[in-house]
Amino acid sequence: MTLNLLFITVTFKKKQETFDEATHFENVSQRFEETKSKQYTKMSQIF
């Protein structure tokens, strides 16, 4: 996206995700879901 204001040009570029970052994000998401599932199971046993 390019924005021109008073003879100044500002360009915003979306950061490209590397393979390592994508892998890390996938692992974090998976662990988050596992933790959420465990918490749900424990809470359902209480009630």
PDB file of N, CA and C in Angstrom:
ATOM      1  N   MET A   1       0.854  -1.166   0.000  1.00  0.00           N
ATOM      2  CA  MET A   1       0.000   0.000   0.000  1.00  0.00           C
ATOM      3  C   MET A   1       0.899   1.227   0.000  1.00  0.00           C
ATOM      4  N   THR A   2       0.617   2.184  -0.839  1.00  0.00           N
ATOM      5  CA  THR A   2       1.401   3.416  -0.936  1.00  0.00           C
ATOM      6  C   THR A   2       0.516   4.596  -0.599  1.00  0.00           C
ATOM      7  N   LEU A   3       1.059   5.497   0.207  1.00  0.00           N
ATOM      8  CA  LEU A   3       0.326   6.675   0.651  1.00  0.00           C
ATOM      9  C   LEU A   3       1.188   7.903   0.377  1.00  0.00           C
ATOM     10  N   ASN A   4       0.662   8.865  -0.365  1.00  0.00           N
ATOM     11  CA  ASN A   4       1.401  10.082  -0.690  1.00  0.00           C
ATOM     12  C   ASN A   4       0.837  11.250   0.119  1.00  0.00           C
ATOM     13  N   LEU A   5       1.682  11.861   0.934  1.00  0.00           N
ATOM     14  CA  LEU A   5       1.289  13.015   1.737  1.00  0.00           C
ATOM     15  C   LEU A   5       2.363  14.095   1.636  1.00  0.00           C
ATOM     16  N   LEU A   6       1.999  15.241   1.110  1.00  0.00           N
ATOM     17  CA  LEU A   6       2.900  16.393   1.053  1.00  0.00           C
ATOM     18  C   LEU A   6       4.300  16.041   0.559  1.00  0.00           C
ATOM     19  N   PHE A   7       4.384  15.467  -0.591  1.00  0.00           N
ATOM     20  CA  PHE A   7       5.651  15.110  -1.243  1.00  0.00           C
ATOM     21  C   PHE A   7       6.444  14.035  -0.508  1.00  0.00           C
ATOM     22  N   ILE A   8       5.803  13.340   0.382  1.00  0.00           N
ATOM     23  CA  ILE A   8       6.457  12.234   1.084  1.00  0.00           C
ATOM     24  C   ILE A   8       5.694  10.962   0.727  1.00  0.00           C
ATOM     25  N   THR A   9       6.417   9.955   0.329  1.00  0.00           N
ATOM     26  CA  THR A   9       5.799   8.680  -0.023  1.00  0.00           C
ATOM     27  C   THR A   9       6.109   7.660   1.066  1.00  0.00           C
ATOM     28  N   VAL A  10       5.068   7.054   1.592  1.00  0.00           N
ATOM     29  CA  VAL A  10       5.217   6.028   2.611  1.00  0.00           C
ATOM     30  C   VAL A  10       4.670   4.731   2.025  1.00  0.00           C
ATOM     31  N   THR A  11       5.476   3.669   2.071  1.00  0.00           N
ATOM     32  CA  THR A  11       5.071   2.388   1.519  1.00  0.00           C
ATOM     33  C   THR A  11       5.048   1.352   2.629  1.00  0.00           C
ATOM     34  N   PHE A  12       3.940   0.634   2.716  1.00  0.00           N
ATOM     35  CA  PHE A  12       3.802  -0.441   3.688  1.00  0.00           C
ATOM     36  C   PHE A  12       3.836  -1.757   2.934  1.00  0.00           C
ATOM     37  N   LYS A  13       4.693  -2.670   3.397  1.00  0.00           N
ATOM     38  CA  LYS A  13       4.772  -3.992   2.792  1.00  0.00           C
ATOM     39  C   LYS A  13       4.464  -5.037   3.846  1.00  0.00           C
ATOM     40  N   LYS A  14       3.646  -5.995   3.467  1.00  0.00           N
ATOM     41  CA  LYS A  14       3.329  -7.079   4.384  1.00  0.00           C
ATOM     42  C   LYS A  14       4.556  -7.980   4.514  1.00  0.00           C
ATOM     43  N   LYS A  15       4.898  -8.315   5.753  1.00  0.00           N
ATOM     44  CA  LYS A  15       6.056  -9.158   6.006  1.00  0.00           C
ATOM     45  C   LYS A  15       5.778 -10.583   5.523  1.00  0.00           C
ATOM     46  N   GLN A  16       6.712 -11.148   4.810  1.00  0.00           N
ATOM     47  CA  GLN A  16       6.583 -12.521   4.343  1.00  0.00           C
ATOM     48  C   GLN A  16       7.008 -13.464   5.471  1.00  0.00           C
ATOM     49  N   GLU A  17       6.184 -14.462   5.710  1.00  0.00           N
ATOM     50  CA  GLU A  17       6.453 -15.419   6.768  1.00  0.00           C
ATOM     51  C   GLU A  17       7.415 -16.490   6.260  1.00  0.00           C
ATOM     52  N   THR A  18       8.467 -16.774   7.032  1.00  0.00           N
ATOM     53  CA  THR A  18       9.416 -17.811   6.631  1.00  0.00           C
ATOM     54  C   THR A  18       8.874 -19.179   7.019  1.00  0.00           C
ATOM     55  N   PHE A  19       9.512 -20.209   6.493  1.00  0.00           N
ATOM     56  CA  PHE A  19       9.084 -21.576   6.804  1.00  0.00           C
ATOM     57  C   PHE A  19       9.214 -21.862   8.288  1.00  0.00           C
ATOM     58  N   ASP A  20      10.316 -21.401   8.907  1.00  0.00           N
ATOM     59  CA  ASP A  20      10.527 -21.624  10.337  1.00  0.00           C
ATOM     60  C   ASP A  20       9.457 -20.925  11.177  1.00  0.00           C
ATOM     61  N   GLU A  21       9.089 -19.714  10.795  1.00  0.00           N
ATOM     62  CA  GLU A  21       8.048 -18.991  11.517  1.00  0.00           C
ATOM     63  C   GLU A  21       6.702 -19.696  11.380  1.00  0.00           C
ATOM     64  N   ALA A  22       6.413 -20.173  10.186  1.00  0.00           N
ATOM     65  CA  ALA A  22       5.149 -20.877   9.957  1.00  0.00           C
ATOM     66  C   ALA A  22       5.096 -22.173  10.767  1.00  0.00           C
ATOM     67  N   THR A  23       6.201 -22.887  10.809  1.00  0.00           N
ATOM     68  CA  THR A  23       6.278 -24.126  11.585  1.00  0.00           C
ATOM     69  C   THR A  23       6.096 -23.834  13.071  1.00  0.00           C
ATOM     70  N   HIS A  24       6.764 -22.794  13.549  1.00  0.00           N
ATOM     71  CA  HIS A  24       6.642 -22.407  14.954  1.00  0.00           C
ATOM     72  C   HIS A  24       5.202 -22.034  15.283  1.00  0.00           C
ATOM     73  N   PHE A  25       4.567 -21.248  14.426  1.00  0.00           N
ATOM     74  CA  PHE A  25       3.190 -20.840  14.652  1.00  0.00           C
ATOM     75  C   PHE A  25       2.263 -22.050  14.687  1.00  0.00           C
ATOM     76  N   GLU A  26       2.491 -23.012  13.815  1.00  0.00           N
ATOM     77  CA  GLU A  26       1.671 -24.226  13.785  1.00  0.00           C
ATOM     78  C   GLU A  26       1.835 -25.018  15.082  1.00  0.00           C
ATOM     79  N   ASN A  27       3.073 -25.132  15.580  1.00  0.00           N
ATOM     80  CA  ASN A  27       3.313 -25.847  16.832  1.00  0.00           C
ATOM     81  C   ASN A  27       2.646 -25.149  18.011  1.00  0.00           C
ATOM     82  N   VAL A  28       2.746 -23.839  18.054  1.00  0.00           N
ATOM     83  CA  VAL A  28       2.119 -23.075  19.132  1.00  0.00           C
ATOM     84  C   VAL A  28       0.609 -23.247  19.087  1.00  0.00           C
ATOM     85  N   SER A  29       0.028 -23.173  17.910  1.00  0.00           N
ATOM     86  CA  SER A  29      -1.421 -23.337  17.763  1.00  0.00           C
ATOM     87  C   SER A  29      -1.865 -24.727  18.217  1.00  0.00           C
ATOM     88  N   GLN A  30      -1.102 -25.727  17.848  1.00  0.00           N
ATOM     89  CA  GLN A  30      -1.442 -27.100  18.221  1.00  0.00           C
ATOM     90  C   GLN A  30      -1.389 -27.268  19.739  1.00  0.00           C
ATOM     91  N   ARG A  31      -0.349 -26.751  20.381  1.00  0.00           N
ATOM     92  CA  ARG A  31      -0.233 -26.862  21.837  1.00  0.00           C
ATOM     93  C   ARG A  31      -1.328 -26.073  22.541  1.00  0.00           C
ATOM     94  N   PHE A  32      -1.688 -24.930  21.991  1.00  0.00           N
ATOM     95  CA  PHE A  32      -2.771 -24.135  22.563  1.00  0.00           C
ATOM     96  C   PHE A  32      -4.072 -24.921  22.534  1.00  0.00           C
ATOM     97  N   GLU A  33      -4.353 -25.566  21.415  1.00  0.00           N
ATOM     98  CA  GLU A  33      -5.575 -26.359  21.288  1.00  0.00           C
ATOM     99  C   GLU A  33      -5.565 -27.550  22.247  1.00  0.00           C
ATOM    100  N   GLU A  34      -4.405 -28.188  22.414  1.00  0.00           N
ATOM    101  CA  GLU A  34      -4.301 -29.310  23.346  1.00  0.00           C
ATOM    102  C   GLU A  34      -4.572 -28.852  24.773  1.00  0.00           C
ATOM    103  N   THR A  35      -4.006 -27.729  25.162  1.00  0.00           N
ATOM    104  CA  THR A  35      -4.207 -27.180  26.498  1.00  0.00           C
ATOM    105  C   THR A  35      -5.663 -26.810  26.725  1.00  0.00           C
ATOM    106  N   LYS A  36      -6.258 -26.185  25.724  1.00  0.00           N
ATOM    107  CA  LYS A  36      -7.665 -25.808  25.833  1.00  0.00           C
ATOM    108  C   LYS A  36      -8.538 -27.048  25.984  1.00  0.00           C
ATOM    109  N   SER A  37      -8.222 -28.098  25.261  1.00  0.00           N
ATOM    110  CA  SER A  37      -8.978 -29.341  25.346  1.00  0.00           C
ATOM    111  C   SER A  37      -8.841 -29.962  26.741  1.00  0.00           C
ATOM    112  N   LYS A  38      -7.636 -29.963  27.285  1.00  0.00           N
ATOM    113  CA  LYS A  38      -7.413 -30.509  28.628  1.00  0.00           C
ATOM    114  C   LYS A  38      -8.187 -29.711  29.672  1.00  0.00           C
ATOM    115  N   GLN A  39      -8.173 -28.399  29.542  1.00  0.00           N
ATOM    116  CA  GLN A  39      -8.902 -27.556  30.492  1.00  0.00           C
ATOM    117  C   GLN A  39     -10.395 -27.821  30.399  1.00  0.00           C
ATOM    118  N   TYR A  40     -10.903 -27.971  29.208  1.00  0.00           N
ATOM    119  CA  TYR A  40     -12.330 -28.242  29.013  1.00  0.00           C
ATOM    120  C   TYR A  40     -12.705 -29.580  29.650  1.00  0.00           C
ATOM    121  N   THR A  41     -11.838 -30.578  29.463  1.00  0.00           N
ATOM    122  CA  THR A  41     -12.101 -31.900  30.028  1.00  0.00           C
ATOM    123  C   THR A  41     -12.131 -31.832  31.548  1.00  0.00           C
ATOM    124  N   LYS A  42     -11.172 -31.134  32.150  1.00  0.00           N
ATOM    125  CA  LYS A  42     -11.127 -31.020  33.610  1.00  0.00           C
ATOM    126  C   LYS A  42     -12.333 -30.248  34.139  1.00  0.00           C
ATOM    127  N   MET A  43     -12.734 -29.208  33.455  1.00  0.00           N
ATOM    128  CA  MET A  43     -13.885 -28.425  33.906  1.00  0.00           C
ATOM    129  C   MET A  43     -15.178 -29.219  33.773  1.00  0.00           C
ATOM    130  N   SER A  44     -15.287 -30.035  32.751  1.00  0.00           N
ATOM    131  CA  SER A  44     -16.503 -30.829  32.573  1.00  0.00           C
ATOM    132  C   SER A  44     -16.587 -31.938  33.632  1.00  0.00           C
ATOM    133  N   GLN A  45     -15.448 -32.396  34.128  1.00  0.00           N
ATOM    134  CA  GLN A  45     -15.461 -33.407  35.183  1.00  0.00           C
ATOM    135  C   GLN A  45     -15.914 -32.785  36.515  1.00  0.00           C
ATOM    136  N   ILE A  46     -15.615 -31.534  36.723  1.00  0.00           N
ATOM    137  CA  ILE A  46     -16.000 -30.857  37.956  1.00  0.00           C
ATOM    138  C   ILE A  46     -17.509 -30.700  38.018  1.00  0.00           C
ATOM    139  N   PHE A  47     -18.133 -30.353  36.910  1.00  0.00           N
ATOM    140  CA  PHE A  47     -19.574 -30.117  36.889  1.00  0.00           C
ATOM    141  C   PHE A  47     -20.254 -31.345  36.470  1.00  0.00           C
TER     142      PHE A  47
END
